[in-house]
PDB file of all heavy atoms in Angstrom:
ATOM      1  N   ILE A   1      -2.596  23.590  -4.365  1.00  0.00           N
ATOM      2  CA  ILE A   1      -2.266  25.018  -4.373  1.00  0.00           C
ATOM      3  C   ILE A   1      -1.026  25.330  -5.196  1.00  0.00           C
ATOM      4  O   ILE A   1      -0.711  26.494  -5.414  1.00  0.00           O
ATOM      5  CB  ILE A   1      -2.102  25.583  -2.948  1.00  0.00           C
ATOM      6  CG1 ILE A   1      -0.938  24.915  -2.228  1.00  0.00           C
ATOM      7  CG2 ILE A   1      -3.398  25.468  -2.163  1.00  0.00           C
ATOM      8  CD1 ILE A   1      -0.547  25.610  -0.932  1.00  0.00           C
ATOM      9  N   GLY A   2      -0.304  24.286  -5.651  1.00  0.00           N
ATOM     10  CA  GLY A   2       0.902  24.556  -6.414  1.00  0.00           C
ATOM     11  C   GLY A   2       1.289  23.418  -7.340  1.00  0.00           C
ATOM     12  O   GLY A   2       1.110  22.256  -7.002  1.00  0.00           O
ATOM     13  N   VAL A   3       1.797  23.778  -8.507  1.00  0.00           N
ATOM     14  CA  VAL A   3       2.363  22.806  -9.450  1.00  0.00           C
ATOM     15  C   VAL A   3       3.614  23.417 -10.072  1.00  0.00           C
ATOM     16  O   VAL A   3       3.734  24.637 -10.171  1.00  0.00           O
ATOM     17  CB  VAL A   3       1.375  22.401 -10.576  1.00  0.00           C
ATOM     18  CG1 VAL A   3       0.175  21.668 -10.021  1.00  0.00           C
ATOM     19  CG2 VAL A   3       0.938  23.590 -11.392  1.00  0.00           C
ATOM     20  N   ASN A   4       4.530  22.543 -10.491  1.00  0.00           N
ATOM     21  CA  ASN A   4       5.730  23.010 -11.170  1.00  0.00           C
ATOM     22  C   ASN A   4       6.327  21.858 -11.952  1.00  0.00           C
ATOM     23  O   ASN A   4       6.292  20.715 -11.513  1.00  0.00           O
ATOM     24  CB  ASN A   4       6.755  23.531 -10.163  1.00  0.00           C
ATOM     25  CG  ASN A   4       7.923  24.228 -10.834  1.00  0.00           C
ATOM     26  OD1 ASN A   4       7.804  24.780 -11.916  1.00  0.00           O
ATOM     27  ND2 ASN A   4       9.073  24.193 -10.185  1.00  0.00           N
ATOM     28  N   LEU A   5       6.861  22.168 -13.096  1.00  0.00           N
ATOM     29  CA  LEU A   5       7.612  21.211 -13.898  1.00  0.00           C
ATOM     30  C   LEU A   5       8.947  21.857 -14.212  1.00  0.00           C
ATOM     31  O   LEU A   5       9.005  22.951 -14.791  1.00  0.00           O
ATOM     32  CB  LEU A   5       6.865  20.876 -15.196  1.00  0.00           C
ATOM     33  CG  LEU A   5       7.609  19.968 -16.173  1.00  0.00           C
ATOM     34  CD1 LEU A   5       7.886  18.602 -15.552  1.00  0.00           C
ATOM     35  CD2 LEU A   5       6.798  19.819 -17.456  1.00  0.00           C
ATOM     36  N   ASP A   6      10.029  21.211 -13.772  1.00  0.00           N
ATOM     37  CA  ASP A   6      11.366  21.716 -14.085  1.00  0.00           C
ATOM     38  C   ASP A   6      12.276  20.542 -14.405  1.00  0.00           C
ATOM     39  O   ASP A   6      11.805  19.413 -14.565  1.00  0.00           O
ATOM     40  CB  ASP A   6      11.908  22.603 -12.959  1.00  0.00           C
ATOM     41  CG  ASP A   6      12.071  21.875 -11.632  1.00  0.00           C
ATOM     42  OD1 ASP A   6      12.213  20.636 -11.629  1.00  0.00           O
ATOM     43  OD2 ASP A   6      12.081  22.544 -10.595  1.00  0.00           O
ATOM     44  N   THR A   7      13.564  20.771 -14.475  1.00  0.00           N
ATOM     45  CA  THR A   7      14.491  19.714 -14.874  1.00  0.00           C
ATOM     46  C   THR A   7      14.560  18.559 -13.878  1.00  0.00           C
ATOM     47  O   THR A   7      14.985  17.470 -14.234  1.00  0.00           O
ATOM     48  CB  THR A   7      15.910  20.283 -15.080  1.00  0.00           C
ATOM     49  OG1 THR A   7      16.335  20.906 -13.877  1.00  0.00           O
ATOM     50  CG2 THR A   7      15.933  21.278 -16.232  1.00  0.00           C
ATOM     51  N   SER A   8      14.123  18.787 -12.633  1.00  0.00           N
ATOM     52  CA  SER A   8      14.132  17.702 -11.643  1.00  0.00           C
ATOM     53  C   SER A   8      12.826  16.919 -11.628  1.00  0.00           C
ATOM     54  O   SER A   8      12.709  15.931 -10.913  1.00  0.00           O
ATOM     55  CB  SER A   8      14.448  18.250 -10.249  1.00  0.00           C
ATOM     56  OG  SER A   8      13.429  19.114  -9.821  1.00  0.00           O
ATOM     57  N   GLY A   9      11.828  17.353 -12.399  1.00  0.00           N
ATOM     58  CA  GLY A   9      10.585  16.601 -12.483  1.00  0.00           C
ATOM     59  C   GLY A   9       9.350  17.454 -12.270  1.00  0.00           C
ATOM     60  O   GLY A   9       9.394  18.677 -12.335  1.00  0.00           O
ATOM     61  N   PHE A  10       8.251  16.765 -11.995  1.00  0.00           N
ATOM     62  CA  PHE A  10       6.950  17.400 -11.820  1.00  0.00           C
ATOM     63  C   PHE A  10       6.609  17.426 -10.330  1.00  0.00           C
ATOM     64  O   PHE A  10       6.810  16.428  -9.621  1.00  0.00           O
ATOM     65  CB  PHE A  10       5.883  16.603 -12.582  1.00  0.00           C
ATOM     66  CG  PHE A  10       4.528  17.231 -12.550  1.00  0.00           C
ATOM     67  CD1 PHE A  10       4.209  18.277 -13.405  1.00  0.00           C
ATOM     68  CD2 PHE A  10       3.562  16.783 -11.668  1.00  0.00           C
ATOM     69  CE1 PHE A  10       2.958  18.860 -13.371  1.00  0.00           C
ATOM     70  CE2 PHE A  10       2.304  17.357 -11.634  1.00  0.00           C
ATOM     71  CZ  PHE A  10       2.005  18.396 -12.486  1.00  0.00           C
ATOM     72  N   TYR A  11       6.093  18.554  -9.860  1.00  0.00           N
ATOM     73  CA  TYR A  11       5.726  18.717  -8.455  1.00  0.00           C
ATOM     74  C   TYR A  11       4.268  19.138  -8.338  1.00  0.00           C
ATOM     75  O   TYR A  11       3.782  19.936  -9.146  1.00  0.00           O
ATOM     76  CB  TYR A  11       6.567  19.823  -7.792  1.00  0.00           C
ATOM     77  CG  TYR A  11       8.019  19.495  -7.655  1.00  0.00           C
ATOM     78  CD1 TYR A  11       8.898  19.762  -8.693  1.00  0.00           C
ATOM     79  CD2 TYR A  11       8.516  18.920  -6.492  1.00  0.00           C
ATOM     80  CE1 TYR A  11      10.248  19.469  -8.585  1.00  0.00           C
ATOM     81  CE2 TYR A  11       9.868  18.621  -6.376  1.00  0.00           C
ATOM     82  CZ  TYR A  11      10.728  18.900  -7.420  1.00  0.00           C
ATOM     83  OH  TYR A  11      12.061  18.605  -7.302  1.00  0.00           O
ATOM     84  N   GLU A  12       3.592  18.616  -7.319  1.00  0.00           N
ATOM     85  CA  GLU A  12       2.279  19.105  -6.906  1.00  0.00           C
ATOM     86  C   GLU A  12       2.354  19.381  -5.413  1.00  0.00           C
ATOM     87  O   GLU A  12       2.913  18.572  -4.664  1.00  0.00           O
ATOM     88  CB  GLU A  12       1.177  18.077  -7.175  1.00  0.00           C
ATOM     89  CG  GLU A  12       0.824  17.942  -8.628  1.00  0.00           C
ATOM     90  CD  GLU A  12      -0.367  17.029  -8.860  1.00  0.00           C
ATOM     91  OE1 GLU A  12      -0.815  16.320  -7.928  1.00  0.00           O
ATOM     92  OE2 GLU A  12      -0.851  17.011 -10.010  1.00  0.00           O
ATOM     93  N   ILE A  13       1.803  20.524  -4.988  1.00  0.00           N
ATOM     94  CA  ILE A  13       1.790  20.897  -3.576  1.00  0.00           C
ATOM     95  C   ILE A  13       0.342  21.088  -3.152  1.00  0.00           C
ATOM     96  O   ILE A  13      -0.415  21.821  -3.796  1.00  0.00           O
ATOM     97  CB  ILE A  13       2.610  22.180  -3.331  1.00  0.00           C
ATOM     98  CG1 ILE A  13       4.059  21.943  -3.732  1.00  0.00           C
ATOM     99  CG2 ILE A  13       2.502  22.613  -1.875  1.00  0.00           C
ATOM    100  CD1 ILE A  13       4.939  23.163  -3.625  1.00  0.00           C
ATOM    101  N   TYR A  14      -0.020  20.419  -2.067  1.00  0.00           N
ATOM    102  CA  TYR A  14      -1.371  20.470  -1.523  1.00  0.00           C
ATOM    103  C   TYR A  14      -1.344  21.069  -0.130  1.00  0.00           C
ATOM    104  O   TYR A  14      -0.372  20.911   0.608  1.00  0.00           O
ATOM    105  CB  TYR A  14      -1.969  19.066  -1.425  1.00  0.00           C
ATOM    106  CG  TYR A  14      -2.262  18.438  -2.761  1.00  0.00           C
ATOM    107  CD1 TYR A  14      -1.274  17.782  -3.475  1.00  0.00           C
ATOM    108  CD2 TYR A  14      -3.535  18.512  -3.312  1.00  0.00           C
ATOM    109  CE1 TYR A  14      -1.540  17.205  -4.707  1.00  0.00           C
ATOM    110  CE2 TYR A  14      -3.813  17.941  -4.543  1.00  0.00           C
ATOM    111  CZ  TYR A  14      -2.812  17.285  -5.229  1.00  0.00           C
ATOM    112  OH  TYR A  14      -3.082  16.717  -6.446  1.00  0.00           O
ATOM    113  N   ARG A  15      -2.449  21.719   0.220  1.00  0.00           N
ATOM    114  CA  ARG A  15      -2.637  22.200   1.590  1.00  0.00           C
ATOM    115  C   ARG A  15      -3.830  21.479   2.189  1.00  0.00           C
ATOM    116  O   ARG A  15      -4.898  21.411   1.578  1.00  0.00           O
ATOM    117  CB  ARG A  15      -2.874  23.711   1.621  1.00  0.00           C
ATOM    118  CG  ARG A  15      -2.962  24.228   3.042  1.00  0.00           C
ATOM    119  CD  ARG A  15      -3.002  25.715   3.105  1.00  0.00           C
ATOM    120  NE  ARG A  15      -2.938  26.141   4.495  1.00  0.00           N
ATOM    121  CZ  ARG A  15      -2.889  27.378   4.870  1.00  0.00           C
ATOM    122  NH1 ARG A  15      -2.895  28.350   3.969  1.00  0.00           N
ATOM    123  NH2 ARG A  15      -2.839  27.693   6.146  1.00  0.00           N
ATOM    124  N   ASP A  16      -3.614  20.928   3.370  1.00  0.00           N
ATOM    125  CA  ASP A  16      -4.669  20.250   4.114  1.00  0.00           C
ATOM    126  C   ASP A  16      -4.680  20.864   5.507  1.00  0.00           C
ATOM    127  O   ASP A  16      -3.937  20.432   6.389  1.00  0.00           O
ATOM    128  CB  ASP A  16      -4.397  18.747   4.164  1.00  0.00           C
ATOM    129  CG  ASP A  16      -5.567  17.953   4.720  1.00  0.00           C
ATOM    130  OD1 ASP A  16      -6.648  18.539   4.914  1.00  0.00           O
ATOM    131  OD2 ASP A  16      -5.396  16.746   4.949  1.00  0.00           O
ATOM    132  N   GLY A  17      -5.457  21.930   5.663  1.00  0.00           N
ATOM    133  CA  GLY A  17      -5.463  22.662   6.928  1.00  0.00           C
ATOM    134  C   GLY A  17      -4.122  23.312   7.167  1.00  0.00           C
ATOM    135  O   GLY A  17      -3.667  24.131   6.372  1.00  0.00           O
ATOM    136  N   ASP A  18      -3.455  22.918   8.260  1.00  0.00           N
ATOM    137  CA  ASP A  18      -2.146  23.503   8.571  1.00  0.00           C
ATOM    138  C   ASP A  18      -0.991  22.598   8.140  1.00  0.00           C
ATOM    139  O   ASP A  18       0.110  22.683   8.675  1.00  0.00           O
ATOM    140  CB  ASP A  18      -2.047  23.849  10.055  1.00  0.00           C
ATOM    141  CG  ASP A  18      -2.079  22.625  10.957  1.00  0.00           C
ATOM    142  OD1 ASP A  18      -2.403  21.526  10.467  1.00  0.00           O
ATOM    143  OD2 ASP A  18      -1.767  22.767  12.150  1.00  0.00           O
ATOM    144  N   VAL A  19      -1.247  21.727   7.156  1.00  0.00           N
ATOM    145  CA  VAL A  19      -0.210  20.816   6.649  1.00  0.00           C
ATOM    146  C   VAL A  19      -0.004  21.044   5.153  1.00  0.00           C
ATOM    147  O   VAL A  19      -0.962  21.167   4.392  1.00  0.00           O
ATOM    148  CB  VAL A  19      -0.596  19.342   6.919  1.00  0.00           C
ATOM    149  CG1 VAL A  19       0.427  18.396   6.305  1.00  0.00           C
ATOM    150  CG2 VAL A  19      -0.717  19.091   8.418  1.00  0.00           C
ATOM    151  N   LEU A  20       1.274  21.109   4.752  1.00  0.00           N
ATOM    152  CA  LEU A  20       1.661  21.221   3.350  1.00  0.00           C
ATOM    153  C   LEU A  20       2.197  19.855   2.919  1.00  0.00           C
ATOM    154  O   LEU A  20       3.073  19.292   3.581  1.00  0.00           O
ATOM    155  CB  LEU A  20       2.746  22.286   3.194  1.00  0.00           C
ATOM    156  CG  LEU A  20       3.022  22.796   1.788  1.00  0.00           C
ATOM    157  CD1 LEU A  20       1.834  23.631   1.300  1.00  0.00           C
ATOM    158  CD2 LEU A  20       4.283  23.631   1.776  1.00  0.00           C
ATOM    159  N   ILE A  21       1.664  19.310   1.824  1.00  0.00           N
ATOM    160  CA  ILE A  21       2.058  17.984   1.346  1.00  0.00           C
ATOM    161  C   ILE A  21       2.587  18.137  -0.082  1.00  0.00           C
ATOM    162  O   ILE A  21       1.900  18.681  -0.941  1.00  0.00           O
ATOM    163  CB  ILE A  21       0.870  17.009   1.370  1.00  0.00           C
ATOM    164  CG1 ILE A  21       0.261  16.977   2.779  1.00  0.00           C
ATOM    165  CG2 ILE A  21       1.304  15.610   0.933  1.00  0.00           C
ATOM    166  CD1 ILE A  21      -1.133  16.419   2.837  1.00  0.00           C
ATOM    167  N   THR A  22       3.819  17.659  -0.300  1.00  0.00           N
ATOM    168  CA  THR A  22       4.474  17.804  -1.598  1.00  0.00           C
ATOM    169  C   THR A  22       4.653  16.438  -2.239  1.00  0.00           C
ATOM    170  O   THR A  22       5.128  15.496  -1.605  1.00  0.00           O
ATOM    171  CB  THR A  22       5.845  18.479  -1.446  1.00  0.00           C
ATOM    172  OG1 THR A  22       5.673  19.728  -0.794  1.00  0.00           O
ATOM    173  CG2 THR A  22       6.497  18.708  -2.800  1.00  0.00           C
ATOM    174  N   PHE A  23       4.275  16.363  -3.535  1.00  0.00           N
ATOM    175  CA  PHE A  23       4.456  15.161  -4.337  1.00  0.00           C
ATOM    176  C   PHE A  23       5.416  15.474  -5.475  1.00  0.00           C
ATOM    177  O   PHE A  23       5.435  16.586  -5.998  1.00  0.00           O
ATOM    178  CB  PHE A  23       3.115  14.699  -4.926  1.00  0.00           C
ATOM    179  CG  PHE A  23       2.138  14.219  -3.900  1.00  0.00           C
ATOM    180  CD1 PHE A  23       1.288  15.110  -3.250  1.00  0.00           C
ATOM    181  CD2 PHE A  23       2.049  12.872  -3.578  1.00  0.00           C
ATOM    182  CE1 PHE A  23       0.378  14.671  -2.302  1.00  0.00           C
ATOM    183  CE2 PHE A  23       1.144  12.425  -2.633  1.00  0.00           C
ATOM    184  CZ  PHE A  23       0.306  13.328  -1.992  1.00  0.00           C
ATOM    185  N   HIS A  24       6.194  14.476  -5.880  1.00  0.00           N
ATOM    186  CA  HIS A  24       7.161  14.645  -6.961  1.00  0.00           C
ATOM    187  C   HIS A  24       7.173  13.389  -7.817  1.00  0.00           C
ATOM    188  O   HIS A  24       6.981  12.286  -7.317  1.00  0.00           O
ATOM    189  CB  HIS A  24       8.559  14.882  -6.383  1.00  0.00           C
ATOM    190  CG  HIS A  24       9.628  14.936  -7.419  1.00  0.00           C
ATOM    191  ND1 HIS A  24      10.447  13.873  -7.683  1.00  0.00           N
ATOM    192  CD2 HIS A  24       9.996  15.924  -8.269  1.00  0.00           C
ATOM    193  CE1 HIS A  24      11.298  14.209  -8.645  1.00  0.00           C
ATOM    194  NE2 HIS A  24      11.044  15.445  -9.015  1.00  0.00           N
ATOM    195  N   GLY A  25       7.421  13.580  -9.105  1.00  0.00           N
ATOM    196  CA  GLY A  25       7.558  12.453 -10.010  1.00  0.00           C
ATOM    197  C   GLY A  25       8.089  12.901 -11.347  1.00  0.00           C
ATOM    198  O   GLY A  25       8.310  14.091 -11.583  1.00  0.00           O
ATOM    199  N   ASP A  26       8.268  11.926 -12.251  1.00  0.00           N
ATOM    200  CA  ASP A  26       8.778  12.283 -13.562  1.00  0.00           C
ATOM    201  C   ASP A  26       7.679  12.794 -14.486  1.00  0.00           C
ATOM    202  O   ASP A  26       7.958  13.360 -15.531  1.00  0.00           O
ATOM    203  CB  ASP A  26       9.545  11.132 -14.209  1.00  0.00           C
ATOM    204  CG  ASP A  26       8.816   9.804 -14.146  1.00  0.00           C
ATOM    205  OD1 ASP A  26       7.772   9.709 -13.490  1.00  0.00           O
ATOM    206  OD2 ASP A  26       9.314   8.846 -14.770  1.00  0.00           O
ATOM    207  N   ASN A  27       6.422  12.610 -14.086  1.00  0.00           N
ATOM    208  CA  ASN A  27       5.293  13.200 -14.813  1.00  0.00           C
ATOM    209  C   ASN A  27       4.098  13.277 -13.856  1.00  0.00           C
ATOM    210  O   ASN A  27       4.162  12.776 -12.744  1.00  0.00           O
ATOM    211  CB  ASN A  27       4.955  12.417 -16.090  1.00  0.00           C
ATOM    212  CG  ASN A  27       4.553  10.992 -15.802  1.00  0.00           C
ATOM    213  OD1 ASN A  27       3.651  10.741 -15.014  1.00  0.00           O
ATOM    214  ND2 ASN A  27       5.239  10.047 -16.429  1.00  0.00           N
ATOM    215  N   GLU A  28       3.006  13.891 -14.305  1.00  0.00           N
ATOM    216  CA  GLU A  28       1.891  14.130 -13.387  1.00  0.00           C
ATOM    217  C   GLU A  28       1.057  12.888 -13.073  1.00  0.00           C
ATOM    218  O   GLU A  28       0.189  12.941 -12.198  1.00  0.00           O
ATOM    219  CB  GLU A  28       1.001  15.268 -13.885  1.00  0.00           C
ATOM    220  CG  GLU A  28       0.541  15.167 -15.304  1.00  0.00           C
ATOM    221  CD  GLU A  28      -0.117  16.445 -15.760  1.00  0.00           C
ATOM    222  OE1 GLU A  28      -1.222  16.753 -15.284  1.00  0.00           O
ATOM    223  OE2 GLU A  28       0.486  17.146 -16.588  1.00  0.00           O
ATOM    224  N   THR A  29       1.330  11.765 -13.713  1.00  0.00           N
ATOM    225  CA  THR A  29       0.589  10.543 -13.396  1.00  0.00           C
ATOM    226  C   THR A  29       1.377   9.593 -12.508  1.00  0.00           C
ATOM    227  O   THR A  29       0.816   8.623 -12.008  1.00  0.00           O
ATOM    228  CB  THR A  29       0.176   9.791 -14.688  1.00  0.00           C
ATOM    229  OG1 THR A  29       1.351   9.455 -15.415  1.00  0.00           O
ATOM    230  CG2 THR A  29      -0.754  10.635 -15.529  1.00  0.00           C
ATOM    231  N   ARG A  30       2.664   9.866 -12.306  1.00  0.00           N
ATOM    232  CA  ARG A  30       3.507   9.005 -11.465  1.00  0.00           C
ATOM    233  C   ARG A  30       4.148   9.844 -10.368  1.00  0.00           C
ATOM    234  O   ARG A  30       5.319  10.194 -10.453  1.00  0.00           O
ATOM    235  CB  ARG A  30       4.570   8.330 -12.308  1.00  0.00           C
ATOM    236  CG  ARG A  30       3.979   7.413 -13.383  1.00  0.00           C
ATOM    237  CD  ARG A  30       5.036   6.662 -14.086  1.00  0.00           C
ATOM    238  NE  ARG A  30       5.761   5.856 -13.088  1.00  0.00           N
ATOM    239  CZ  ARG A  30       6.812   5.133 -13.378  1.00  0.00           C
ATOM    240  NH1 ARG A  30       7.286   5.106 -14.587  1.00  0.00           N
ATOM    241  NH2 ARG A  30       7.416   4.427 -12.439  1.00  0.00           N
ATOM    242  N   LEU A  31       3.366  10.153  -9.340  1.00  0.00           N
ATOM    243  CA  LEU A  31       3.845  11.009  -8.254  1.00  0.00           C
ATOM    244  C   LEU A  31       3.951  10.216  -6.960  1.00  0.00           C
ATOM    245  O   LEU A  31       3.160   9.316  -6.703  1.00  0.00           O
ATOM    246  CB  LEU A  31       2.892  12.178  -8.043  1.00  0.00           C
ATOM    247  CG  LEU A  31       2.755  13.151  -9.212  1.00  0.00           C
ATOM    248  CD1 LEU A  31       1.653  14.158  -8.925  1.00  0.00           C
ATOM    249  CD2 LEU A  31       4.062  13.849  -9.475  1.00  0.00           C
ATOM    250  N   GLU A  32       4.914  10.608  -6.121  1.00  0.00           N
ATOM    251  CA  GLU A  32       5.047  10.017  -4.802  1.00  0.00           C
ATOM    252  C   GLU A  32       5.222  11.138  -3.782  1.00  0.00           C
ATOM    253  O   GLU A  32       5.833  12.175  -4.079  1.00  0.00           O
ATOM    254  CB  GLU A  32       6.189   9.007  -4.791  1.00  0.00           C
ATOM    255  CG  GLU A  32       7.371   9.363  -4.011  1.00  0.00           C
ATOM    256  CD  GLU A  32       8.459   8.278  -4.039  1.00  0.00           C
ATOM    257  OE1 GLU A  32       8.610   7.552  -5.027  1.00  0.00           O
ATOM    258  OE2 GLU A  32       9.178   8.217  -3.037  1.00  0.00           O
TER     259      GLU A  32
END
């Protein structure tokens, strides 16, 4: 449901029912 790239890195945000899960990394292939 969300993506962003800024000076702190790349973010992806997912929604799984009533849970929000955020991933971060230096690019979209290396996320944690």
